[in-house]
Amino acid sequence: MNDPLAMGAALLPQVQPGLVVYDAANQRLGTVRRVEFGTADPTDERQQAREAIADVRASTTTPADD
């Protein structure tokens, strides 16, 4: 049986800035801007995830027309 953690560990080094990112529906989301490795602290990882989601939302939201 395949170990998802081992598979993820093998794939993560292949993620580089500029890599095109698609969602599950094969819609292009954008490109990777930076790659950061988390810590062993689950609380810190949750905060990093929240910040990353906020960054994605900020970069993909179209400003309202004034």
N, C-alpha and C. Protein backbone atom coordinates (compact mmCIF):
# COMPACT_ATOMS: atom_id res chain seq x y z
N MET A 1 0.84 -1.18 0.00
CA MET A 1 0.00 0.00 0.00
C MET A 1 0.89 1.25 0.00
N ASN A 2 0.47 2.27 -0.73
CA ASN A 2 1.26 3.50 -0.80
C ASN A 2 1.07 4.33 0.46
N ASP A 3 2.16 4.86 0.96
CA ASP A 3 2.13 5.73 2.13
C ASP A 3 2.02 7.17 1.65
N PRO A 4 0.86 7.85 1.89
CA PRO A 4 0.68 9.22 1.40
C PRO A 4 1.73 10.18 1.92
N LEU A 5 2.19 9.99 3.17
CA LEU A 5 3.20 10.89 3.71
C LEU A 5 4.52 10.73 2.98
N ALA A 6 4.88 9.49 2.67
CA ALA A 6 6.11 9.25 1.93
C ALA A 6 6.01 9.82 0.51
N MET A 7 4.84 9.67 -0.09
CA MET A 7 4.63 10.21 -1.45
C MET A 7 4.75 11.74 -1.42
N GLY A 8 4.14 12.38 -0.41
CA GLY A 8 4.22 13.83 -0.29
C GLY A 8 5.64 14.29 -0.06
N ALA A 9 6.38 13.54 0.75
CA ALA A 9 7.77 13.90 1.02
C ALA A 9 8.61 13.80 -0.24
N ALA A 10 8.27 12.86 -1.12
CA ALA A 10 9.01 12.71 -2.36
C ALA A 10 8.63 13.80 -3.37
N LEU A 11 7.39 14.27 -3.33
CA LEU A 11 6.94 15.27 -4.29
C LEU A 11 7.31 16.70 -3.89
N LEU A 12 7.35 16.98 -2.60
CA LEU A 12 7.58 18.35 -2.14
C LEU A 12 8.86 18.97 -2.70
N PRO A 13 9.97 18.26 -2.78
CA PRO A 13 11.17 18.89 -3.35
C PRO A 13 11.02 19.30 -4.81
N GLN A 14 10.02 18.75 -5.49
CA GLN A 14 9.79 19.11 -6.89
C GLN A 14 9.01 20.42 -7.05
N VAL A 15 8.42 20.90 -5.96
CA VAL A 15 7.66 22.15 -6.01
C VAL A 15 8.64 23.31 -6.01
N GLN A 16 8.57 24.12 -7.05
CA GLN A 16 9.50 25.23 -7.23
C GLN A 16 8.72 26.48 -7.59
N PRO A 17 9.23 27.67 -7.27
CA PRO A 17 8.59 28.90 -7.72
C PRO A 17 8.40 28.87 -9.24
N GLY A 18 7.22 29.31 -9.66
CA GLY A 18 6.90 29.32 -11.09
C GLY A 18 6.07 28.12 -11.53
N LEU A 19 5.99 27.08 -10.69
CA LEU A 19 5.22 25.90 -11.02
C LEU A 19 3.75 26.27 -11.12
N VAL A 20 3.07 25.84 -12.18
CA VAL A 20 1.65 26.13 -12.36
C VAL A 20 0.84 25.23 -11.42
N VAL A 21 -0.17 25.82 -10.76
CA VAL A 21 -1.00 25.11 -9.79
C VAL A 21 -2.44 25.04 -10.29
N TYR A 22 -3.02 23.83 -10.23
CA TYR A 22 -4.41 23.60 -10.65
C TYR A 22 -5.21 23.07 -9.47
N ASP A 23 -6.53 23.34 -9.47
CA ASP A 23 -7.39 22.79 -8.42
C ASP A 23 -7.90 21.42 -8.85
N ALA A 24 -8.75 20.82 -8.02
CA ALA A 24 -9.26 19.47 -8.29
C ALA A 24 -10.10 19.41 -9.55
N ALA A 25 -10.67 20.53 -9.97
CA ALA A 25 -11.48 20.59 -11.20
C ALA A 25 -10.63 20.94 -12.42
N ASN A 26 -9.32 20.91 -12.27
CA ASN A 26 -8.35 21.20 -13.33
C ASN A 26 -8.44 22.65 -13.82
N GLN A 27 -8.83 23.55 -12.93
CA GLN A 27 -8.84 24.98 -13.23
C GLN A 27 -7.52 25.57 -12.73
N ARG A 28 -6.89 26.35 -13.58
CA ARG A 28 -5.61 26.95 -13.20
C ARG A 28 -5.83 27.97 -12.08
N LEU A 29 -5.06 27.82 -10.99
CA LEU A 29 -5.13 28.75 -9.87
C LEU A 29 -4.07 29.83 -9.96
N GLY A 30 -2.94 29.50 -10.51
CA GLY A 30 -1.83 30.44 -10.59
C GLY A 30 -0.52 29.70 -10.57
N THR A 31 0.51 30.36 -10.05
CA THR A 31 1.83 29.74 -9.97
C THR A 31 2.36 29.86 -8.55
N VAL A 32 3.28 28.99 -8.23
CA VAL A 32 3.92 29.00 -6.92
C VAL A 32 4.83 30.22 -6.83
N ARG A 33 4.67 31.00 -5.76
CA ARG A 33 5.53 32.17 -5.54
C ARG A 33 6.70 31.84 -4.63
N ARG A 34 6.42 31.02 -3.61
CA ARG A 34 7.50 30.64 -2.70
C ARG A 34 7.14 29.30 -2.07
N VAL A 35 8.16 28.62 -1.60
CA VAL A 35 8.00 27.33 -0.94
C VAL A 35 8.63 27.44 0.44
N GLU A 36 7.86 27.10 1.46
CA GLU A 36 8.35 27.15 2.83
C GLU A 36 8.04 25.83 3.50
N PHE A 37 8.97 25.36 4.31
CA PHE A 37 8.76 24.14 5.06
C PHE A 37 8.28 24.48 6.46
N GLY A 38 7.28 23.77 6.93
CA GLY A 38 6.70 24.03 8.24
C GLY A 38 7.57 23.52 9.37
N THR A 39 7.04 23.66 10.57
CA THR A 39 7.74 23.20 11.76
C THR A 39 7.03 21.98 12.33
N ALA A 40 7.54 21.45 13.40
CA ALA A 40 6.91 20.30 14.05
C ALA A 40 5.77 20.73 14.96
N ASP A 41 5.58 22.02 15.15
CA ASP A 41 4.53 22.54 16.02
C ASP A 41 3.22 22.64 15.24
N PRO A 42 2.21 21.80 15.56
CA PRO A 42 0.95 21.83 14.80
C PRO A 42 0.25 23.18 14.87
N THR A 43 0.37 23.89 15.97
CA THR A 43 -0.26 25.20 16.08
C THR A 43 0.37 26.16 15.08
N ASP A 44 1.68 26.13 14.99
CA ASP A 44 2.39 26.99 14.04
C ASP A 44 2.01 26.63 12.61
N GLU A 45 1.88 25.35 12.31
CA GLU A 45 1.52 24.92 10.96
C GLU A 45 0.12 25.41 10.60
N ARG A 46 -0.81 25.39 11.57
CA ARG A 46 -2.16 25.90 11.29
C ARG A 46 -2.11 27.40 11.00
N GLN A 47 -1.29 28.13 11.74
CA GLN A 47 -1.15 29.57 11.49
C GLN A 47 -0.53 29.81 10.12
N GLN A 48 0.46 29.04 9.76
CA GLN A 48 1.08 29.17 8.44
C GLN A 48 0.05 28.89 7.35
N ALA A 49 -0.79 27.90 7.55
CA ALA A 49 -1.83 27.58 6.57
C ALA A 49 -2.81 28.74 6.44
N ARG A 50 -3.23 29.31 7.56
CA ARG A 50 -4.15 30.46 7.51
C ARG A 50 -3.51 31.63 6.74
N GLU A 51 -2.24 31.88 6.99
CA GLU A 51 -1.56 32.97 6.29
C GLU A 51 -1.43 32.68 4.79
N ALA A 52 -1.14 31.44 4.45
CA ALA A 52 -1.02 31.07 3.04
C ALA A 52 -2.36 31.22 2.33
N ILE A 53 -3.44 30.80 2.98
CA ILE A 53 -4.77 30.94 2.39
C ILE A 53 -5.10 32.42 2.19
N ALA A 54 -4.77 33.24 3.17
CA ALA A 54 -5.01 34.69 3.05
C ALA A 54 -4.21 35.27 1.89
N ASP A 55 -2.96 34.81 1.71
CA ASP A 55 -2.13 35.28 0.60
C ASP A 55 -2.76 34.91 -0.74
N VAL A 56 -3.26 33.67 -0.84
CA VAL A 56 -3.89 33.22 -2.09
C VAL A 56 -5.14 34.04 -2.36
N ARG A 57 -5.97 34.22 -1.34
CA ARG A 57 -7.19 35.01 -1.53
C ARG A 57 -6.85 36.45 -1.97
N ALA A 58 -5.86 37.03 -1.34
CA ALA A 58 -5.49 38.40 -1.67
C ALA A 58 -4.96 38.51 -3.11
N SER A 59 -4.26 37.49 -3.55
CA SER A 59 -3.67 37.56 -4.90
C SER A 59 -4.66 37.17 -5.98
N THR A 60 -5.77 36.52 -5.63
CA THR A 60 -6.72 36.09 -6.66
C THR A 60 -8.02 36.90 -6.63
N THR A 61 -8.18 37.76 -5.65
CA THR A 61 -9.39 38.57 -5.57
C THR A 61 -9.23 39.81 -6.44
N THR A 62 -10.24 40.06 -7.25
CA THR A 62 -10.21 41.25 -8.10
C THR A 62 -10.75 42.43 -7.30
N PRO A 63 -10.01 43.52 -7.23
CA PRO A 63 -10.51 44.68 -6.50
C PRO A 63 -11.80 45.19 -7.12
N ALA A 64 -12.68 45.68 -6.28
CA ALA A 64 -13.96 46.24 -6.77
C ALA A 64 -13.70 47.51 -7.55
N ASP A 65 -14.48 47.69 -8.60
CA ASP A 65 -14.35 48.91 -9.40
C ASP A 65 -14.86 50.10 -8.58
N ASP A 66 -14.11 51.17 -8.59
CA ASP A 66 -14.52 52.37 -7.83
C ASP A 66 -15.34 53.30 -8.70
